[in-house]
Every structure is written in structure tokens, then in C-alpha cells.
Amino acid sequence: MRHAPVTDIEIVEDFTAEARCDEGFLHVRRLRAKNLRADGSHSAMYRIDVIDRPRLDAVAVMVWRRGEAGLEFLTRKNLRPAAHFRKDKVPTVPDGQRHLFCEEIVAGLLEVTDRGEAGLVHRAAEEVKEEAGFAVTEAQVRLLGPPFLLAPGILSEKIFLAEVDVTGFVPTEALGDGSPLEEGGELTWWSQEGLRAALDDGRIQDAKTELGFERLCRRLSR
């Protein structure tokens, strides 16, 4: 079903004060801890907040093809509330951008049944079909180096990178998962020079996109 373009996110209720920290899309564990040293002594007690997802990790996929003018790379604009609500805070360095939508590569959370490398490539193929409309096979997906931690001081999630060549593929409509957060998703093909420029000048500010792009460029150059 097509909708009018999304122009803002309207808060219906802020129930932070009544919500449990161990439920919802993110789980927050609030801990008191001490460092245990090799000689058996301890540090002073301090607080730790750890953020977990109900599903621990995610996969992100560089979708690319060989075009008439060279290599092309696919990104998708997604609604990103946490980035959008920076507008209500005083930024360290203003960037003049509105972050209602963020440009990034295809990505999705791993399901509990996605185990090992086979699980990673299975989820990657599913996300490419769902978010980009390309019916790739698991055999066509290749992992792209080791996983990485986004914010290891607070967030337990790792992201596993993958890549798939869709040269010659004819896409179908990218249906998404039906979530309101996927409204307004827009796909863009970038040239190699164009995507590098967008990462360099901050039009795209997504870490997994930059890391995946650099790793894939190194692989393709070999």
C-alpha cells in the first residue's frame, strides 16, 4: 500500500517513567560492578548500563552491480527516530541536516534460528529481497570480513557485513516488513566516486555503510 511521504514523527505518548528497562526493542541492564584484579583486590564499585537487543546481532549487506559507467552501490533511506530526535538537543557541531531519514546499506536483525555462517548468508539474502527487491540465493552472498562492535561501551550488538553482486538481476518491488518504520524507504544507486564523496562530506553518516564500502572496494580492487 502506497502512502503519502513521511514528513515528521509525532510522539503520541512518552511512557519512559512507567516502562520497564528489560522489555521493548532494546533492553537496558543497570548493574553495579567492581573490577577484579589479578592479585584478588577490587576497584571501587561503579555503575554499568548495558544495552541489548532481544535478538543479539545484525547483518548488513553491500548490494552492488557492474554498470555501463563502472561499479554501482545500493543504499536505502530509512526512518531513524533516534537520529531524528537529535533536533531537540544542542549539537556539538551543527551539520545543517535533518536526520528524519538516514541513508544506509540493506540491513536486518538476525533471527534466533540464524546460526553460524549459513545463518548469516541466509538472513542477508532475505534482507536483500525484502529491502531491495533482489531475489539472490544464499550461495551468491559472501561475507565481508569480521563483525564489528558499534558502541562497545554500552551496546552488545555486533554487525556482520556481507556483499552480493546483482549485475543483470531484475528487481521486484521491495515490500519491506510492513513496519511503519519502513515507510518512505527509498533506494538509490551510487557510482563508486559518488558514494565515496557522500561519505566524505557527511551526506551519509552511517558507519556500517562506510566500513562495508571500504572493505568491498578493497576486495574488488584485488
C-alpha atoms as a PDB file:
ATOM      1  CA  MET A   1       0.000   0.000   0.000  1.00  0.00           C
ATOM      2  CA  ARG A   2       1.392   3.389  -1.006  1.00  0.00           C
ATOM      3  CA  HIS A   3       1.316   6.274   1.476  1.00  0.00           C
ATOM      4  CA  ALA A   4       1.973   9.992   1.248  1.00  0.00           C
ATOM      5  CA  PRO A   5       5.601  10.927   2.079  1.00  0.00           C
ATOM      6  CA  VAL A   6       6.562  10.923   5.757  1.00  0.00           C
ATOM      7  CA  THR A   7       7.387  14.456   6.916  1.00  0.00           C
ATOM      8  CA  ASP A   8       7.841  14.004  10.688  1.00  0.00           C
ATOM      9  CA  ILE A   9       7.421  11.630  13.631  1.00  0.00           C
ATOM     10  CA  GLU A  10       4.703  12.670  16.074  1.00  0.00           C
ATOM     11  CA  ILE A  11       5.075  11.490  19.674  1.00  0.00           C
ATOM     12  CA  VAL A  12       1.749  10.076  20.889  1.00  0.00           C
ATOM     13  CA  GLU A  13       2.995   9.238  24.395  1.00  0.00           C
ATOM     14  CA  ASP A  14       6.282   9.326  26.289  1.00  0.00           C
ATOM     15  CA  PHE A  15       5.940   6.475  28.787  1.00  0.00           C
ATOM     16  CA  THR A  16       9.614   6.362  29.812  1.00  0.00           C
ATOM     17  CA  ALA A  17       8.859   6.825  33.510  1.00  0.00           C
ATOM     18  CA  GLU A  18       6.437   3.870  33.598  1.00  0.00           C
ATOM     19  CA  ALA A  19       8.284   1.474  31.274  1.00  0.00           C
ATOM     20  CA  ARG A  20      10.423  -1.457  32.363  1.00  0.00           C
ATOM     21  CA  CYS A  21      14.011  -1.370  31.139  1.00  0.00           C
ATOM     22  CA  ASP A  22      14.019  -5.095  30.246  1.00  0.00           C
ATOM     23  CA  GLU A  23      11.285  -5.042  27.621  1.00  0.00           C
ATOM     24  CA  GLY A  24      10.734  -3.481  24.221  1.00  0.00           C
ATOM     25  CA  PHE A  25      13.021  -3.140  21.201  1.00  0.00           C
ATOM     26  CA  LEU A  26      16.037  -2.515  23.452  1.00  0.00           C
ATOM     27  CA  HIS A  27      16.734  -3.988  26.875  1.00  0.00           C
ATOM     28  CA  VAL A  28      18.756  -1.953  29.352  1.00  0.00           C
ATOM     29  CA  ARG A  29      20.575  -3.775  32.154  1.00  0.00           C
ATOM     30  CA  ARG A  30      21.576  -1.487  35.036  1.00  0.00           C
ATOM     31  CA  LEU A  31      24.382  -3.050  37.036  1.00  0.00           C
ATOM     32  CA  ARG A  32      26.670  -2.277  39.950  1.00  0.00           C
ATOM     33  CA  ALA A  33      30.103  -3.802  39.492  1.00  0.00           C
ATOM     34  CA  LYS A  34      33.712  -3.908  40.690  1.00  0.00           C
ATOM     35  CA  ASN A  35      36.836  -4.694  38.704  1.00  0.00           C
ATOM     36  CA  LEU A  36      38.520  -7.928  39.848  1.00  0.00           C
ATOM     37  CA  ARG A  37      42.314  -7.624  39.707  1.00  0.00           C
ATOM     38  CA  ALA A  38      44.930 -10.354  39.262  1.00  0.00           C
ATOM     39  CA  ASP A  39      46.027 -10.052  42.921  1.00  0.00           C
ATOM     40  CA  GLY A  40      42.467 -10.610  44.168  1.00  0.00           C
ATOM     41  CA  SER A  41      41.788  -6.970  45.021  1.00  0.00           C
ATOM     42  CA  HIS A  42      38.854  -4.960  43.704  1.00  0.00           C
ATOM     43  CA  SER A  43      38.241  -1.476  42.367  1.00  0.00           C
ATOM     44  CA  ALA A  44      35.668   0.832  43.846  1.00  0.00           C
ATOM     45  CA  MET A  45      32.087  -0.042  42.933  1.00  0.00           C
ATOM     46  CA  TYR A  46      30.651   1.694  39.859  1.00  0.00           C
ATOM     47  CA  ARG A  47      27.549   1.589  37.687  1.00  0.00           C
ATOM     48  CA  ILE A  48      27.281  -0.022  34.267  1.00  0.00           C
ATOM     49  CA  ASP A  49      24.418   0.293  31.782  1.00  0.00           C
ATOM     50  CA  VAL A  50      24.371  -2.386  29.063  1.00  0.00           C
ATOM     51  CA  ILE A  51      22.002  -2.200  26.089  1.00  0.00           C
ATOM     52  CA  ASP A  52      20.947  -5.494  24.467  1.00  0.00           C
ATOM     53  CA  ARG A  53      18.536  -6.285  21.683  1.00  0.00           C
ATOM     54  CA  PRO A  54      16.189  -9.258  22.162  1.00  0.00           C
ATOM     55  CA  ARG A  55      17.992 -10.600  19.063  1.00  0.00           C
ATOM     56  CA  LEU A  56      21.660 -10.009  19.708  1.00  0.00           C
ATOM     57  CA  ASP A  57      23.271  -9.265  16.337  1.00  0.00           C
ATOM     58  CA  ALA A  58      22.578  -7.951  12.830  1.00  0.00           C
ATOM     59  CA  VAL A  59      23.733  -8.391   9.244  1.00  0.00           C
ATOM     60  CA  ALA A  60      24.351  -5.562   6.763  1.00  0.00           C
ATOM     61  CA  VAL A  61      24.779  -6.124   3.031  1.00  0.00           C
ATOM     62  CA  MET A  62      26.629  -4.204   0.334  1.00  0.00           C
ATOM     63  CA  VAL A  63      24.455  -4.722  -2.754  1.00  0.00           C
ATOM     64  CA  TRP A  64      26.401  -3.819  -5.903  1.00  0.00           C
ATOM     65  CA  ARG A  65      26.485  -4.266  -9.662  1.00  0.00           C
ATOM     66  CA  ARG A  66      28.615  -3.549 -12.690  1.00  0.00           C
ATOM     67  CA  GLY A  67      27.022  -0.715 -14.690  1.00  0.00           C
ATOM     68  CA  GLU A  68      27.940   0.835 -18.007  1.00  0.00           C
ATOM     69  CA  ALA A  69      29.988   3.529 -16.272  1.00  0.00           C
ATOM     70  CA  GLY A  70      31.573   1.252 -13.670  1.00  0.00           C
ATOM     71  CA  LEU A  71      30.719  -0.149 -10.267  1.00  0.00           C
ATOM     72  CA  GLU A  72      27.453   0.903  -8.610  1.00  0.00           C
ATOM     73  CA  PHE A  73      26.404   0.510  -4.962  1.00  0.00           C
ATOM     74  CA  LEU A  74      22.907   0.446  -3.445  1.00  0.00           C
ATOM     75  CA  THR A  75      21.734   2.378  -0.392  1.00  0.00           C
ATOM     76  CA  ARG A  76      18.329   2.774   1.200  1.00  0.00           C
ATOM     77  CA  LYS A  77      16.822   5.699   3.101  1.00  0.00           C
ATOM     78  CA  ASN A  78      15.225   4.565   6.358  1.00  0.00           C
ATOM     79  CA  LEU A  79      13.300   6.356   9.088  1.00  0.00           C
ATOM     80  CA  ARG A  80      15.619   6.677  12.085  1.00  0.00           C
ATOM     81  CA  PRO A  81      13.848   8.155  15.140  1.00  0.00           C
ATOM     82  CA  ALA A  82      16.906   8.281  17.422  1.00  0.00           C
ATOM     83  CA  ALA A  83      18.857  10.311  14.870  1.00  0.00           C
ATOM     84  CA  HIS A  84      15.795  12.474  14.142  1.00  0.00           C
ATOM     85  CA  PHE A  85      15.272  13.407  17.788  1.00  0.00           C
ATOM     86  CA  ARG A  86      18.746  14.956  17.912  1.00  0.00           C
ATOM     87  CA  LYS A  87      16.858  18.018  16.674  1.00  0.00           C
ATOM     88  CA  ASP A  88      15.624  18.537  20.244  1.00  0.00           C
ATOM     89  CA  LYS A  89      19.161  18.702  21.645  1.00  0.00           C
ATOM     90  CA  VAL A  90      22.071  21.127  21.270  1.00  0.00           C
ATOM     91  CA  PRO A  91      24.567  19.509  18.847  1.00  0.00           C
ATOM     92  CA  THR A  92      28.298  19.640  19.454  1.00  0.00           C
ATOM     93  CA  VAL A  93      28.882  20.670  15.842  1.00  0.00           C
ATOM     94  CA  PRO A  94      25.737  21.519  13.813  1.00  0.00           C
ATOM     95  CA  ASP A  95      25.724  19.831  10.409  1.00  0.00           C
ATOM     96  CA  GLY A  96      22.718  21.579   8.884  1.00  0.00           C
ATOM     97  CA  GLN A  97      20.984  18.275   8.183  1.00  0.00           C
ATOM     98  CA  ARG A  98      17.623  16.877   9.186  1.00  0.00           C
ATOM     99  CA  HIS A  99      18.048  13.218  10.141  1.00  0.00           C
ATOM    100  CA  LEU A 100      14.455  12.029   9.796  1.00  0.00           C
ATOM    101  CA  PHE A 101      15.736   9.602   7.151  1.00  0.00           C
ATOM    102  CA  CYS A 102      19.227   8.132   7.143  1.00  0.00           C
ATOM    103  CA  GLU A 103      20.944   6.682   4.095  1.00  0.00           C
ATOM    104  CA  GLU A 104      22.498   3.282   4.720  1.00  0.00           C
ATOM    105  CA  ILE A 105      23.001  -0.167   3.235  1.00  0.00           C
ATOM    106  CA  VAL A 106      20.486  -3.012   3.463  1.00  0.00           C
ATOM    107  CA  ALA A 107      20.479  -4.477   6.991  1.00  0.00           C
ATOM    108  CA  GLY A 108      18.401  -6.529   9.386  1.00  0.00           C
ATOM    109  CA  LEU A 109      18.444  -8.284  12.746  1.00  0.00           C
ATOM    110  CA  LEU A 110      19.425 -11.939  12.895  1.00  0.00           C
ATOM    111  CA  GLU A 111      16.687 -14.316  13.972  1.00  0.00           C
ATOM    112  CA  VAL A 112      17.244 -16.866  16.752  1.00  0.00           C
ATOM    113  CA  THR A 113      17.408 -19.591  14.089  1.00  0.00           C
ATOM    114  CA  ASP A 114      20.212 -17.843  12.156  1.00  0.00           C
ATOM    115  CA  ARG A 115      23.265 -19.711  13.402  1.00  0.00           C
ATOM    116  CA  GLY A 116      26.792 -19.827  12.044  1.00  0.00           C
ATOM    117  CA  GLU A 117      27.887 -18.583   8.637  1.00  0.00           C
ATOM    118  CA  ALA A 118      24.962 -20.383   6.985  1.00  0.00           C
ATOM    119  CA  GLY A 119      22.580 -18.370   9.145  1.00  0.00           C
ATOM    120  CA  LEU A 120      24.328 -15.130   8.270  1.00  0.00           C
ATOM    121  CA  VAL A 121      24.118 -15.629   4.499  1.00  0.00           C
ATOM    122  CA  HIS A 122      20.514 -16.825   4.803  1.00  0.00           C
ATOM    123  CA  ARG A 123      19.490 -13.654   6.660  1.00  0.00           C
ATOM    124  CA  ALA A 124      21.487 -11.485   4.261  1.00  0.00           C
ATOM    125  CA  ALA A 125      19.673 -12.976   1.246  1.00  0.00           C
ATOM    126  CA  GLU A 126      16.304 -12.483   2.963  1.00  0.00           C
ATOM    127  CA  GLU A 127      17.042  -8.836   3.760  1.00  0.00           C
ATOM    128  CA  VAL A 128      18.216  -8.114   0.199  1.00  0.00           C
ATOM    129  CA  LYS A 129      14.924  -9.473  -1.138  1.00  0.00           C
ATOM    130  CA  GLU A 130      12.812  -7.673   1.471  1.00  0.00           C
ATOM    131  CA  GLU A 131      14.519  -4.266   1.381  1.00  0.00           C
ATOM    132  CA  ALA A 132      15.922  -4.117  -2.159  1.00  0.00           C
ATOM    133  CA  GLY A 133      13.732  -6.494  -4.198  1.00  0.00           C
ATOM    134  CA  PHE A 134      16.563  -8.713  -5.482  1.00  0.00           C
ATOM    135  CA  ALA A 135      15.933 -12.457  -5.199  1.00  0.00           C
ATOM    136  CA  VAL A 136      19.517 -13.562  -4.622  1.00  0.00           C
ATOM    137  CA  THR A 137      20.470 -17.019  -3.415  1.00  0.00           C
ATOM    138  CA  GLU A 138      22.439 -17.761  -0.280  1.00  0.00           C
ATOM    139  CA  ALA A 139      25.256 -19.132  -2.456  1.00  0.00           C
ATOM    140  CA  GLN A 140      25.647 -15.705  -4.088  1.00  0.00           C
ATOM    141  CA  VAL A 141      26.159 -13.888  -0.768  1.00  0.00           C
ATOM    142  CA  ARG A 142      29.706 -13.550   0.523  1.00  0.00           C
ATOM    143  CA  LEU A 143      30.730 -12.449   3.987  1.00  0.00           C
ATOM    144  CA  LEU A 144      32.840  -9.296   4.098  1.00  0.00           C
ATOM    145  CA  GLY A 145      35.398  -9.597   6.861  1.00  0.00           C
ATOM    146  CA  PRO A 146      34.924  -9.939  10.614  1.00  0.00           C
ATOM    147  CA  PRO A 147      31.994  -8.455  12.532  1.00  0.00           C
ATOM    148  CA  PHE A 148      32.383  -5.179  14.400  1.00  0.00           C
ATOM    149  CA  LEU A 149      31.033  -3.591  17.574  1.00  0.00           C
ATOM    150  CA  LEU A 150      29.179  -0.308  17.131  1.00  0.00           C
ATOM    151  CA  ALA A 151      29.440   1.140  20.639  1.00  0.00           C
ATOM    152  CA  PRO A 152      31.138  -1.447  22.882  1.00  0.00           C
ATOM    153  CA  GLY A 153      30.943   0.748  25.957  1.00  0.00           C
ATOM    154  CA  ILE A 154      27.156   0.375  26.105  1.00  0.00           C
ATOM    155  CA  LEU A 155      25.833  -1.782  23.245  1.00  0.00           C
ATOM    156  CA  SER A 156      26.389  -5.558  22.995  1.00  0.00           C
ATOM    157  CA  GLU A 157      25.346  -5.791  19.322  1.00  0.00           C
ATOM    158  CA  LYS A 158      27.769  -6.864  16.598  1.00  0.00           C
ATOM    159  CA  ILE A 159      27.158  -6.242  12.904  1.00  0.00           C
ATOM    160  CA  PHE A 160      28.228  -8.843  10.340  1.00  0.00           C
ATOM    161  CA  LEU A 161      28.977  -7.442   6.878  1.00  0.00           C
ATOM    162  CA  ALA A 162      28.225  -9.232   3.616  1.00  0.00           C
ATOM    163  CA  GLU A 163      28.142  -8.396  -0.090  1.00  0.00           C
ATOM    164  CA  VAL A 164      26.282  -9.609  -3.162  1.00  0.00           C
ATOM    165  CA  ASP A 165      26.657  -8.849  -6.861  1.00  0.00           C
ATOM    166  CA  VAL A 166      23.259  -8.266  -8.548  1.00  0.00           C
ATOM    167  CA  THR A 167      24.587  -7.452 -12.019  1.00  0.00           C
ATOM    168  CA  GLY A 168      21.927  -8.481 -14.525  1.00  0.00           C
ATOM    169  CA  PHE A 169      19.239  -9.049 -11.882  1.00  0.00           C
ATOM    170  CA  VAL A 170      15.796  -7.528 -12.447  1.00  0.00           C
ATOM    171  CA  PRO A 171      14.374  -6.367  -9.107  1.00  0.00           C
ATOM    172  CA  THR A 172      10.814  -6.784  -7.930  1.00  0.00           C
ATOM    173  CA  GLU A 173       9.111  -4.326  -5.586  1.00  0.00           C
ATOM    174  CA  ALA A 174      10.863  -4.143  -2.217  1.00  0.00           C
ATOM    175  CA  LEU A 175       7.952  -4.916   0.108  1.00  0.00           C
ATOM    176  CA  GLY A 176       9.709  -4.402   3.444  1.00  0.00           C
ATOM    177  CA  ASP A 177       8.360  -5.937   6.638  1.00  0.00           C
ATOM    178  CA  GLY A 178       5.202  -3.820   6.914  1.00  0.00           C
ATOM    179  CA  SER A 179       6.508  -1.789   9.845  1.00  0.00           C
ATOM    180  CA  PRO A 180       5.727   1.963   9.971  1.00  0.00           C
ATOM    181  CA  LEU A 181       9.494   2.435  10.355  1.00  0.00           C
ATOM    182  CA  GLU A 182       9.889   1.224   6.771  1.00  0.00           C
ATOM    183  CA  GLU A 183       7.510   3.814   5.328  1.00  0.00           C
ATOM    184  CA  GLY A 184       9.201   6.067   2.824  1.00  0.00           C
ATOM    185  CA  GLY A 185      12.150   3.752   2.201  1.00  0.00           C
ATOM    186  CA  GLU A 186      13.872   4.904  -0.985  1.00  0.00           C
ATOM    187  CA  LEU A 187      16.580   3.056  -2.922  1.00  0.00           C
ATOM    188  CA  THR A 188      19.490   4.863  -4.584  1.00  0.00           C
ATOM    189  CA  TRP A 189      22.268   3.569  -6.821  1.00  0.00           C
ATOM    190  CA  TRP A 190      25.591   5.374  -6.397  1.00  0.00           C
ATOM    191  CA  SER A 191      28.708   5.356  -8.521  1.00  0.00           C
ATOM    192  CA  GLN A 192      31.891   4.477  -6.665  1.00  0.00           C
ATOM    193  CA  GLU A 193      33.039   8.105  -6.790  1.00  0.00           C
ATOM    194  CA  GLY A 194      29.596   9.400  -5.786  1.00  0.00           C
ATOM    195  CA  LEU A 195      29.264   7.189  -2.730  1.00  0.00           C
ATOM    196  CA  ARG A 196      32.781   7.976  -1.577  1.00  0.00           C
ATOM    197  CA  ALA A 197      32.050  11.701  -1.908  1.00  0.00           C
ATOM    198  CA  ALA A 198      28.784  11.370   0.072  1.00  0.00           C
ATOM    199  CA  LEU A 199      30.642   9.571   2.872  1.00  0.00           C
ATOM    200  CA  ASP A 200      33.479  12.095   2.824  1.00  0.00           C
ATOM    201  CA  ASP A 201      31.266  15.193   3.001  1.00  0.00           C
ATOM    202  CA  GLY A 202      28.794  13.785   5.544  1.00  0.00           C
ATOM    203  CA  ARG A 203      25.690  13.423   3.397  1.00  0.00           C
ATOM    204  CA  ILE A 204      25.828   9.784   4.515  1.00  0.00           C
ATOM    205  CA  GLN A 205      26.812   9.387   8.173  1.00  0.00           C
ATOM    206  CA  ASP A 206      26.345   5.655   8.692  1.00  0.00           C
ATOM    207  CA  ALA A 207      29.343   3.697   9.989  1.00  0.00           C
ATOM    208  CA  LYS A 208      28.376   0.272   8.605  1.00  0.00           C
ATOM    209  CA  THR A 209      27.898   1.778   5.143  1.00  0.00           C
ATOM    210  CA  GLU A 210      31.349   3.359   5.160  1.00  0.00           C
ATOM    211  CA  LEU A 211      33.094   0.283   6.532  1.00  0.00           C
ATOM    212  CA  GLY A 212      31.262  -2.063   4.158  1.00  0.00           C
ATOM    213  CA  PHE A 213      32.022   0.181   1.200  1.00  0.00           C
ATOM    214  CA  GLU A 214      35.742   0.391   2.001  1.00  0.00           C
ATOM    215  CA  ARG A 215      36.041  -3.360   2.542  1.00  0.00           C
ATOM    216  CA  LEU A 216      34.205  -4.144  -0.661  1.00  0.00           C
ATOM    217  CA  CYS A 217      36.286  -1.685  -2.702  1.00  0.00           C
ATOM    218  CA  ARG A 218      39.458  -3.338  -1.415  1.00  0.00           C
ATOM    219  CA  ARG A 219      38.099  -6.778  -2.318  1.00  0.00           C
ATOM    220  CA  LEU A 220      37.062  -5.713  -5.806  1.00  0.00           C
ATOM    221  CA  SER A 221      40.396  -3.997  -6.440  1.00  0.00           C
ATOM    222  CA  ARG A 222      42.111  -7.323  -5.876  1.00  0.00           C
END
